[in-house]
């Protein structure tokens, strides 16, 4: 246990971690995770809405339904995201 603690602390002090770089990496990881979650939710919802009987191919109506569903989902997500960001900016301006 002692070896692990001393290795960690000496590595942290000698490595001169750049907090700006670390923050950027964290932001990228959060953005990727958000994109993955958005895609997963959109896939789940649109599949349930549009695919009655899963098969090896999508018929024309299923393809149109999936395309429309995904477009609407993205539009809604973008609208909510813009509203959330503008509210955050207003709240920050008050502080």
PDB file of N, CA and C in Angstrom:
ATOM      1  N   UNK A   1       0.828  -1.198   0.000  1.00  0.00           N
ATOM      2  CA  UNK A   1       0.000   0.000   0.000  1.00  0.00           C
ATOM      3  C   UNK A   1       0.863   1.248   0.000  1.00  0.00           C
ATOM      4  N   UNK A   2       1.926   1.225   0.810  1.00  0.00           N
ATOM      5  CA  UNK A   2       2.770   2.412   0.903  1.00  0.00           C
ATOM      6  C   UNK A   2       3.416   2.722  -0.451  1.00  0.00           C
ATOM      7  N   UNK A   3       3.850   1.679  -1.150  1.00  0.00           N
ATOM      8  CA  UNK A   3       4.489   1.877  -2.449  1.00  0.00           C
ATOM      9  C   UNK A   3       3.561   2.536  -3.452  1.00  0.00           C
ATOM     10  N   UNK A   4       2.306   2.138  -3.451  1.00  0.00           N
ATOM     11  CA  UNK A   4       1.350   2.718  -4.397  1.00  0.00           C
ATOM     12  C   UNK A   4       1.166   4.201  -4.135  1.00  0.00           C
ATOM     13  N   UNK A   5       0.995   4.559  -2.862  1.00  0.00           N
ATOM     14  CA  UNK A   5       0.783   5.966  -2.511  1.00  0.00           C
ATOM     15  C   UNK A   5       1.975   6.828  -2.883  1.00  0.00           C
ATOM     16  N   UNK A   6       3.164   6.342  -2.597  1.00  0.00           N
ATOM     17  CA  UNK A   6       4.345   7.143  -2.890  1.00  0.00           C
ATOM     18  C   UNK A   6       4.569   7.230  -4.405  1.00  0.00           C
ATOM     19  N   UNK A   7       4.307   6.144  -5.134  1.00  0.00           N
ATOM     20  CA  UNK A   7       4.443   6.187  -6.594  1.00  0.00           C
ATOM     21  C   UNK A   7       3.490   7.209  -7.184  1.00  0.00           C
ATOM     22  N   UNK A   8       2.266   7.205  -6.684  1.00  0.00           N
ATOM     23  CA  UNK A   8       1.247   8.098  -7.232  1.00  0.00           C
ATOM     24  C   UNK A   8       1.611   9.556  -6.967  1.00  0.00           C
ATOM     25  N   UNK A   9       2.005   9.862  -5.736  1.00  0.00           N
ATOM     26  CA  UNK A   9       2.289  11.253  -5.396  1.00  0.00           C
ATOM     27  C   UNK A   9       3.548  11.749  -6.107  1.00  0.00           C
ATOM     28  N   UNK A  10       4.582  10.907  -6.202  1.00  0.00           N
ATOM     29  CA  UNK A  10       5.797  11.361  -6.874  1.00  0.00           C
ATOM     30  C   UNK A  10       5.546  11.527  -8.373  1.00  0.00           C
ATOM     31  N   UNK A  11       4.724  10.655  -8.949  1.00  0.00           N
ATOM     32  CA  UNK A  11       4.401  10.783 -10.365  1.00  0.00           C
ATOM     33  C   UNK A  11       3.621  12.048 -10.648  1.00  0.00           C
ATOM     34  N   UNK A  12       2.727  12.386  -9.738  1.00  0.00           N
ATOM     35  CA  UNK A  12       1.898  13.573  -9.930  1.00  0.00           C
ATOM     36  C   UNK A  12       2.740  14.837  -9.808  1.00  0.00           C
ATOM     37  N   UNK A  13       3.682  14.843  -8.864  1.00  0.00           N
ATOM     38  CA  UNK A  13       4.460  16.059  -8.656  1.00  0.00           C
ATOM     39  C   UNK A  13       5.523  16.231  -9.744  1.00  0.00           C
ATOM     40  N   UNK A  14       6.148  15.127 -10.167  1.00  0.00           N
ATOM     41  CA  UNK A  14       7.209  15.254 -11.160  1.00  0.00           C
ATOM     42  C   UNK A  14       6.652  15.410 -12.578  1.00  0.00           C
ATOM     43  N   UNK A  15       5.400  14.955 -12.796  1.00  0.00           N
ATOM     44  CA  UNK A  15       4.832  15.021 -14.126  1.00  0.00           C
ATOM     45  C   UNK A  15       4.329  16.392 -14.519  1.00  0.00           C
ATOM     46  N   UNK A  16       4.198  17.312 -13.546  1.00  0.00           N
ATOM     47  CA  UNK A  16       3.687  18.658 -13.803  1.00  0.00           C
ATOM     48  C   UNK A  16       2.445  18.591 -14.697  1.00  0.00           C
ATOM     49  N   UNK A  17       1.363  18.025 -14.169  1.00  0.00           N
ATOM     50  CA  UNK A  17       0.133  17.851 -14.939  1.00  0.00           C
ATOM     51  C   UNK A  17      -0.421  19.206 -15.384  1.00  0.00           C
ATOM     52  N   UNK A  18      -0.734  19.314 -16.612  1.00  0.00           N
ATOM     53  CA  UNK A  18      -1.325  20.535 -17.159  1.00  0.00           C
ATOM     54  C   UNK A  18      -2.840  20.448 -16.983  1.00  0.00           C
ATOM     55  N   UNK A  19      -3.366  21.224 -16.044  1.00  0.00           N
ATOM     56  CA  UNK A  19      -4.804  21.123 -15.750  1.00  0.00           C
ATOM     57  C   UNK A  19      -5.654  21.554 -16.937  1.00  0.00           C
ATOM     58  N   UNK A  20      -5.160  22.477 -17.741  1.00  0.00           N
ATOM     59  CA  UNK A  20      -5.900  22.896 -18.933  1.00  0.00           C
ATOM     60  C   UNK A  20      -6.085  21.736 -19.905  1.00  0.00           C
ATOM     61  N   UNK A  21      -5.025  20.986 -20.119  1.00  0.00           N
ATOM     62  CA  UNK A  21      -5.085  19.821 -21.013  1.00  0.00           C
ATOM     63  C   UNK A  21      -6.029  18.765 -20.456  1.00  0.00           C
ATOM     64  N   UNK A  22      -5.929  18.522 -19.148  1.00  0.00           N
ATOM     65  CA  UNK A  22      -6.799  17.531 -18.514  1.00  0.00           C
ATOM     66  C   UNK A  22      -8.261  17.940 -18.647  1.00  0.00           C
ATOM     67  N   UNK A  23      -8.546  19.232 -18.419  1.00  0.00           N
ATOM     68  CA  UNK A  23      -9.934  19.719 -18.535  1.00  0.00           C
ATOM     69  C   UNK A  23     -10.455  19.546 -19.960  1.00  0.00           C
ATOM     70  N   UNK A  24      -9.615  19.818 -20.941  1.00  0.00           N
ATOM     71  CA  UNK A  24     -10.030  19.641 -22.336  1.00  0.00           C
ATOM     72  C   UNK A  24     -10.336  18.173 -22.630  1.00  0.00           C
ATOM     73  N   UNK A  25      -9.497  17.277 -22.110  1.00  0.00           N
ATOM     74  CA  UNK A  25      -9.730  15.843 -22.307  1.00  0.00           C
ATOM     75  C   UNK A  25     -11.029  15.414 -21.663  1.00  0.00           C
ATOM     76  N   UNK A  26     -11.308  15.930 -20.472  1.00  0.00           N
ATOM     77  CA  UNK A  26     -12.556  15.596 -19.783  1.00  0.00           C
ATOM     78  C   UNK A  26     -13.746  16.115 -20.578  1.00  0.00           C
ATOM     79  N   UNK A  27     -13.649  17.336 -21.099  1.00  0.00           N
ATOM     80  CA  UNK A  27     -14.741  17.912 -21.900  1.00  0.00           C
ATOM     81  C   UNK A  27     -15.021  17.056 -23.136  1.00  0.00           C
ATOM     82  N   UNK A  28     -13.962  16.599 -23.784  1.00  0.00           N
ATOM     83  CA  UNK A  28     -14.125  15.746 -24.967  1.00  0.00           C
ATOM     84  C   UNK A  28     -14.789  14.432 -24.580  1.00  0.00           C
ATOM     85  N   UNK A  29     -14.351  13.840 -23.474  1.00  0.00           N
ATOM     86  CA  UNK A  29     -14.952  12.579 -23.026  1.00  0.00           C
ATOM     87  C   UNK A  29     -16.421  12.749 -22.684  1.00  0.00           C
ATOM     88  N   UNK A  30     -16.775  13.872 -22.059  1.00  0.00           N
ATOM     89  CA  UNK A  30     -18.181  14.144 -21.729  1.00  0.00           C
ATOM     90  C   UNK A  30     -18.993  14.322 -23.006  1.00  0.00           C
ATOM     91  N   UNK A  31     -18.446  15.036 -23.977  1.00  0.00           N
ATOM     92  CA  UNK A  31     -19.152  15.243 -25.244  1.00  0.00           C
ATOM     93  C   UNK A  31     -19.382  13.915 -25.965  1.00  0.00           C
ATOM     94  N   UNK A  32     -18.389  13.042 -25.964  1.00  0.00           N
ATOM     95  CA  UNK A  32     -18.525  11.729 -26.600  1.00  0.00           C
ATOM     96  C   UNK A  32     -19.598  10.904 -25.882  1.00  0.00           C
ATOM     97  N   UNK A  33     -19.560  10.918 -24.549  1.00  0.00           N
ATOM     98  CA  UNK A  33     -20.556  10.173 -23.775  1.00  0.00           C
ATOM     99  C   UNK A  33     -21.960  10.699 -24.037  1.00  0.00           C
ATOM    100  N   UNK A  34     -22.109  12.027 -24.123  1.00  0.00           N
ATOM    101  CA  UNK A  34     -23.424  12.619 -24.420  1.00  0.00           C
ATOM    102  C   UNK A  34     -23.903  12.224 -25.810  1.00  0.00           C
ATOM    103  N   UNK A  35     -23.000  12.231 -26.781  1.00  0.00           N
ATOM    104  CA  UNK A  35     -23.373  11.853 -28.143  1.00  0.00           C
ATOM    105  C   UNK A  35     -23.794  10.381 -28.198  1.00  0.00           C
ATOM    106  N   UNK A  36     -23.059   9.526 -27.477  1.00  0.00           N
ATOM    107  CA  UNK A  36     -23.406   8.102 -27.449  1.00  0.00           C
ATOM    108  C   UNK A  36     -24.769   7.888 -26.804  1.00  0.00           C
ATOM    109  N   UNK A  37     -25.044   8.614 -25.723  1.00  0.00           N
ATOM    110  CA  UNK A  37     -26.334   8.479 -25.049  1.00  0.00           C
ATOM    111  C   UNK A  37     -27.463   8.973 -25.941  1.00  0.00           C
ATOM    112  N   UNK A  38     -27.244  10.105 -26.608  1.00  0.00           N
ATOM    113  CA  UNK A  38     -28.249  10.638 -27.536  1.00  0.00           C
ATOM    114  C   UNK A  38     -28.556   9.622 -28.624  1.00  0.00           C
ATOM    115  N   UNK A  39     -27.531   9.053 -29.223  1.00  0.00           N
ATOM    116  CA  UNK A  39     -27.722   8.083 -30.295  1.00  0.00           C
ATOM    117  C   UNK A  39     -28.459   6.845 -29.794  1.00  0.00           C
ATOM    118  N   UNK A  40     -28.094   6.371 -28.607  1.00  0.00           N
ATOM    119  CA  UNK A  40     -28.749   5.191 -28.037  1.00  0.00           C
ATOM    120  C   UNK A  40     -30.229   5.452 -27.763  1.00  0.00           C
ATOM    121  N   UNK A  41     -30.534   6.599 -27.152  1.00  0.00           N
ATOM    122  CA  UNK A  41     -31.933   6.926 -26.859  1.00  0.00           C
ATOM    123  C   UNK A  41     -32.745   7.092 -28.135  1.00  0.00           C
ATOM    124  N   UNK A  42     -32.155   7.774 -29.115  1.00  0.00           N
ATOM    125  CA  UNK A  42     -32.842   7.999 -30.379  1.00  0.00           C
ATOM    126  C   UNK A  42     -33.110   6.667 -31.076  1.00  0.00           C
ATOM    127  N   UNK A  43     -32.118   5.793 -31.071  1.00  0.00           N
ATOM    128  CA  UNK A  43     -32.273   4.481 -31.696  1.00  0.00           C
ATOM    129  C   UNK A  43     -33.385   3.686 -31.019  1.00  0.00           C
ATOM    130  N   UNK A  44     -33.362   3.660 -29.692  1.00  0.00           N
ATOM    131  CA  UNK A  44     -34.382   2.920 -28.938  1.00  0.00           C
ATOM    132  C   UNK A  44     -35.784   3.440 -29.241  1.00  0.00           C
ATOM    133  N   UNK A  45     -35.956   4.753 -29.132  1.00  0.00           N
ATOM    134  CA  UNK A  45     -37.284   5.338 -29.313  1.00  0.00           C
ATOM    135  C   UNK A  45     -37.797   5.150 -30.733  1.00  0.00           C
ATOM    136  N   UNK A  46     -36.935   5.408 -31.712  1.00  0.00           N
ATOM    137  CA  UNK A  46     -37.376   5.311 -33.103  1.00  0.00           C
ATOM    138  C   UNK A  46     -37.602   3.858 -33.517  1.00  0.00           C
ATOM    139  N   UNK A  47     -36.816   2.944 -32.993  1.00  0.00           N
ATOM    140  CA  UNK A  47     -37.029   1.524 -33.284  1.00  0.00           C
ATOM    141  C   UNK A  47     -38.401   1.092 -32.762  1.00  0.00           C
ATOM    142  N   UNK A  48     -38.689   1.450 -31.489  1.00  0.00           N
ATOM    143  CA  UNK A  48     -39.975   1.073 -30.894  1.00  0.00           C
ATOM    144  C   UNK A  48     -41.138   1.685 -31.655  1.00  0.00           C
ATOM    145  N   UNK A  49     -40.962   2.914 -32.128  1.00  0.00           N
ATOM    146  CA  UNK A  49     -42.036   3.612 -32.818  1.00  0.00           C
ATOM    147  C   UNK A  49     -42.256   3.075 -34.232  1.00  0.00           C
ATOM    148  N   UNK A  50     -41.184   2.746 -34.918  1.00  0.00           N
ATOM    149  CA  UNK A  50     -41.281   2.500 -36.363  1.00  0.00           C
ATOM    150  C   UNK A  50     -41.231   1.034 -36.786  1.00  0.00           C
ATOM    151  N   UNK A  51     -40.657   0.171 -35.989  1.00  0.00           N
ATOM    152  CA  UNK A  51     -40.450  -1.214 -36.422  1.00  0.00           C
ATOM    153  C   UNK A  51     -41.435  -2.125 -35.690  1.00  0.00           C
ATOM    154  N   UNK A  52     -42.484  -2.530 -36.417  1.00  0.00           N
ATOM    155  CA  UNK A  52     -43.499  -3.405 -35.830  1.00  0.00           C
ATOM    156  C   UNK A  52     -43.015  -4.832 -35.686  1.00  0.00           C
ATOM    157  N   UNK A  53     -42.542  -5.380 -36.772  1.00  0.00           N
ATOM    158  CA  UNK A  53     -42.022  -6.752 -36.773  1.00  0.00           C
ATOM    159  C   UNK A  53     -40.605  -6.723 -37.328  1.00  0.00           C
ATOM    160  N   UNK A  54     -39.608  -6.844 -36.462  1.00  0.00           N
ATOM    161  CA  UNK A  54     -38.223  -6.828 -36.949  1.00  0.00           C
ATOM    162  C   UNK A  54     -37.963  -7.951 -37.943  1.00  0.00           C
ATOM    163  N   UNK A  55     -37.251  -7.623 -38.994  1.00  0.00           N
ATOM    164  CA  UNK A  55     -36.879  -8.607 -40.006  1.00  0.00           C
ATOM    165  C   UNK A  55     -35.473  -8.332 -40.500  1.00  0.00           C
ATOM    166  N   UNK A  56     -35.136  -8.928 -41.618  1.00  0.00           N
ATOM    167  CA  UNK A  56     -33.775  -8.764 -42.138  1.00  0.00           C
ATOM    168  C   UNK A  56     -33.613  -7.456 -42.921  1.00  0.00           C
ATOM    169  N   UNK A  57     -34.717  -6.835 -43.334  1.00  0.00           N
ATOM    170  CA  UNK A  57     -34.645  -5.571 -44.062  1.00  0.00           C
ATOM    171  C   UNK A  57     -35.749  -4.634 -43.564  1.00  0.00           C
ATOM    172  N   UNK A  58     -35.594  -3.352 -43.895  1.00  0.00           N
ATOM    173  CA  UNK A  58     -36.621  -2.364 -43.580  1.00  0.00           C
ATOM    174  C   UNK A  58     -37.428  -2.098 -44.849  1.00  0.00           C
ATOM    175  N   UNK A  59     -38.752  -2.106 -44.718  1.00  0.00           N
ATOM    176  CA  UNK A  59     -39.537  -1.740 -45.896  1.00  0.00           C
ATOM    177  C   UNK A  59     -39.546  -0.217 -46.043  1.00  0.00           C
ATOM    178  N   UNK A  60     -40.135   0.262 -47.120  1.00  0.00           N
ATOM    179  CA  UNK A  60     -40.104   1.684 -47.449  1.00  0.00           C
ATOM    180  C   UNK A  60     -40.731   2.542 -46.353  1.00  0.00           C
ATOM    181  N   UNK A  61     -41.860   2.117 -45.807  1.00  0.00           N
ATOM    182  CA  UNK A  61     -42.528   2.913 -44.777  1.00  0.00           C
ATOM    183  C   UNK A  61     -41.700   2.944 -43.487  1.00  0.00           C
ATOM    184  N   UNK A  62     -41.042   1.835 -43.160  1.00  0.00           N
ATOM    185  CA  UNK A  62     -40.182   1.807 -41.973  1.00  0.00           C
ATOM    186  C   UNK A  62     -38.978   2.739 -42.151  1.00  0.00           C
ATOM    187  N   UNK A  63     -38.398   2.740 -43.350  1.00  0.00           N
ATOM    188  CA  UNK A  63     -37.265   3.627 -43.625  1.00  0.00           C
ATOM    189  C   UNK A  63     -37.672   5.091 -43.469  1.00  0.00           C
ATOM    190  N   UNK A  64     -38.845   5.440 -44.035  1.00  0.00           N
ATOM    191  CA  UNK A  64     -39.321   6.826 -43.927  1.00  0.00           C
ATOM    192  C   UNK A  64     -39.606   7.187 -42.479  1.00  0.00           C
ATOM    193  N   UNK A  65     -40.230   6.267 -41.745  1.00  0.00           N
ATOM    194  CA  UNK A  65     -40.550   6.503 -40.342  1.00  0.00           C
ATOM    195  C   UNK A  65     -39.276   6.728 -39.530  1.00  0.00           C
ATOM    196  N   UNK A  66     -38.278   5.886 -39.742  1.00  0.00           N
ATOM    197  CA  UNK A  66     -37.007   6.021 -39.012  1.00  0.00           C
ATOM    198  C   UNK A  66     -36.357   7.372 -39.320  1.00  0.00           C
ATOM    199  N   UNK A  67     -36.318   7.743 -40.593  1.00  0.00           N
ATOM    200  CA  UNK A  67     -35.693   9.016 -40.989  1.00  0.00           C
ATOM    201  C   UNK A  67     -36.421  10.201 -40.362  1.00  0.00           C
ATOM    202  N   UNK A  68     -37.759  10.183 -40.421  1.00  0.00           N
ATOM    203  CA  UNK A  68     -38.555  11.287 -39.852  1.00  0.00           C
ATOM    204  C   UNK A  68     -38.381  11.322 -38.331  1.00  0.00           C
ATOM    205  N   UNK A  69     -38.428  10.169 -37.695  1.00  0.00           N
ATOM    206  CA  UNK A  69     -38.296  10.086 -36.243  1.00  0.00           C
ATOM    207  C   UNK A  69     -36.949  10.643 -35.789  1.00  0.00           C
ATOM    208  N   UNK A  70     -35.893  10.250 -36.465  1.00  0.00           N
ATOM    209  CA  UNK A  70     -34.560  10.713 -36.082  1.00  0.00           C
ATOM    210  C   UNK A  70     -34.420  12.209 -36.309  1.00  0.00           C
ATOM    211  N   UNK A  71     -34.975  12.712 -37.410  1.00  0.00           N
ATOM    212  CA  UNK A  71     -34.945  14.164 -37.662  1.00  0.00           C
ATOM    213  C   UNK A  71     -35.682  14.920 -36.564  1.00  0.00           C
ATOM    214  N   UNK A  72     -36.875  14.450 -36.200  1.00  0.00           N
ATOM    215  CA  UNK A  72     -37.654  15.121 -35.142  1.00  0.00           C
ATOM    216  C   UNK A  72     -36.929  15.041 -33.809  1.00  0.00           C
ATOM    217  N   UNK A  73     -36.347  13.899 -33.517  1.00  0.00           N
ATOM    218  CA  UNK A  73     -35.632  13.721 -32.247  1.00  0.00           C
ATOM    219  C   UNK A  73     -34.459  14.688 -32.171  1.00  0.00           C
ATOM    220  N   UNK A  74     -33.693  14.792 -33.249  1.00  0.00           N
ATOM    221  CA  UNK A  74     -32.547  15.703 -33.270  1.00  0.00           C
ATOM    222  C   UNK A  74     -33.004  17.160 -33.161  1.00  0.00           C
ATOM    223  N   UNK A  75     -34.078  17.520 -33.863  1.00  0.00           N
ATOM    224  CA  UNK A  75     -34.602  18.890 -33.769  1.00  0.00           C
ATOM    225  C   UNK A  75     -34.998  19.209 -32.330  1.00  0.00           C
ATOM    226  N   UNK A  76     -35.708  18.281 -31.698  1.00  0.00           N
ATOM    227  CA  UNK A  76     -36.135  18.495 -30.312  1.00  0.00           C
ATOM    228  C   UNK A  76     -34.927  18.603 -29.390  1.00  0.00           C
ATOM    229  N   UNK A  77     -33.952  17.723 -29.585  1.00  0.00           N
ATOM    230  CA  UNK A  77     -32.763  17.743 -28.744  1.00  0.00           C
ATOM    231  C   UNK A  77     -32.004  19.057 -28.909  1.00  0.00           C
ATOM    232  N   UNK A  78     -31.872  19.534 -30.139  1.00  0.00           N
ATOM    233  CA  UNK A  78     -31.184  20.802 -30.396  1.00  0.00           C
ATOM    234  C   UNK A  78     -31.932  21.973 -29.770  1.00  0.00           C
ATOM    235  N   UNK A  79     -33.255  21.969 -29.842  1.00  0.00           N
ATOM    236  CA  UNK A  79     -34.056  23.041 -29.245  1.00  0.00           C
ATOM    237  C   UNK A  79     -33.865  23.077 -27.736  1.00  0.00           C
ATOM    238  N   UNK A  80     -33.951  21.914 -27.107  1.00  0.00           N
ATOM    239  CA  UNK A  80     -33.755  21.837 -25.652  1.00  0.00           C
ATOM    240  C   UNK A  80     -32.340  22.256 -25.288  1.00  0.00           C
ATOM    241  N   UNK A  81     -31.365  21.815 -26.054  1.00  0.00           N
ATOM    242  CA  UNK A  81     -29.971  22.146 -25.786  1.00  0.00           C
ATOM    243  C   UNK A  81     -29.726  23.655 -25.877  1.00  0.00           C
ATOM    244  N   UNK A  82     -30.277  24.295 -26.910  1.00  0.00           N
ATOM    245  CA  UNK A  82     -30.123  25.750 -27.055  1.00  0.00           C
ATOM    246  C   UNK A  82     -30.782  26.486 -25.885  1.00  0.00           C
ATOM    247  N   UNK A  83     -31.982  26.056 -25.511  1.00  0.00           N
ATOM    248  CA  UNK A  83     -32.684  26.698 -24.391  1.00  0.00           C
ATOM    249  C   UNK A  83     -31.893  26.527 -23.094  1.00  0.00           C
ATOM    250  N   UNK A  84     -31.363  25.343 -22.873  1.00  0.00           N
ATOM    251  CA  UNK A  84     -30.580  25.069 -21.668  1.00  0.00           C
ATOM    252  C   UNK A  84     -29.325  25.945 -21.630  1.00  0.00           C
ATOM    253  N   UNK A  85     -28.627  26.027 -22.758  1.00  0.00           N
ATOM    254  CA  UNK A  85     -27.399  26.829 -22.808  1.00  0.00           C
ATOM    255  C   UNK A  85     -27.680  28.310 -22.604  1.00  0.00           C
ATOM    256  N   UNK A  86     -28.763  28.818 -23.189  1.00  0.00           N
ATOM    257  CA  UNK A  86     -29.075  30.239 -23.005  1.00  0.00           C
ATOM    258  C   UNK A  86     -29.476  30.513 -21.560  1.00  0.00           C
ATOM    259  N   UNK A  87     -30.160  29.568 -20.921  1.00  0.00           N
ATOM    260  CA  UNK A  87     -30.502  29.747 -19.510  1.00  0.00           C
ATOM    261  C   UNK A  87     -29.248  29.741 -18.642  1.00  0.00           C
ATOM    262  N   UNK A  88     -28.317  28.836 -18.945  1.00  0.00           N
ATOM    263  CA  UNK A  88     -27.046  28.815 -18.209  1.00  0.00           C
ATOM    264  C   UNK A  88     -26.323  30.150 -18.326  1.00  0.00           C
ATOM    265  N   UNK A  89     -26.302  30.715 -19.527  1.00  0.00           N
ATOM    266  CA  UNK A  89     -25.624  31.993 -19.733  1.00  0.00           C
ATOM    267  C   UNK A  89     -26.301  33.103 -18.939  1.00  0.00           C
ATOM    268  N   UNK A  90     -27.658  33.099 -18.919  1.00  0.00           N
ATOM    269  CA  UNK A  90     -28.382  34.110 -18.141  1.00  0.00           C
ATOM    270  C   UNK A  90     -28.075  33.965 -16.658  1.00  0.00           C
ATOM    271  N   UNK A  91     -28.041  32.724 -16.178  1.00  0.00           N
ATOM    272  CA  UNK A  91     -27.748  32.497 -14.758  1.00  0.00           C
ATOM    273  C   UNK A  91     -26.334  32.927 -14.397  1.00  0.00           C
ATOM    274  N   UNK A  92     -25.391  32.656 -15.293  1.00  0.00           N
ATOM    275  CA  UNK A  92     -24.003  33.055 -15.037  1.00  0.00           C
ATOM    276  C   UNK A  92     -23.862  34.567 -15.023  1.00  0.00           C
ATOM    277  N   UNK A  93     -24.631  35.251 -15.881  1.00  0.00           N
ATOM    278  CA  UNK A  93     -24.572  36.713 -15.966  1.00  0.00           C
ATOM    279  C   UNK A  93     -25.069  37.349 -14.661  1.00  0.00           C
ATOM    280  N   UNK A  94     -25.981  36.682 -13.983  1.00  0.00           N
ATOM    281  CA  UNK A  94     -26.513  37.217 -12.723  1.00  0.00           C
ATOM    282  C   UNK A  94     -25.525  37.129 -11.569  1.00  0.00           C
ATOM    283  N   UNK A  95     -24.622  36.175 -11.674  1.00  0.00           N
ATOM    284  CA  UNK A  95     -23.695  35.940 -10.548  1.00  0.00           C
ATOM    285  C   UNK A  95     -22.609  36.998 -10.486  1.00  0.00           C
TER     286      UNK A  95
END
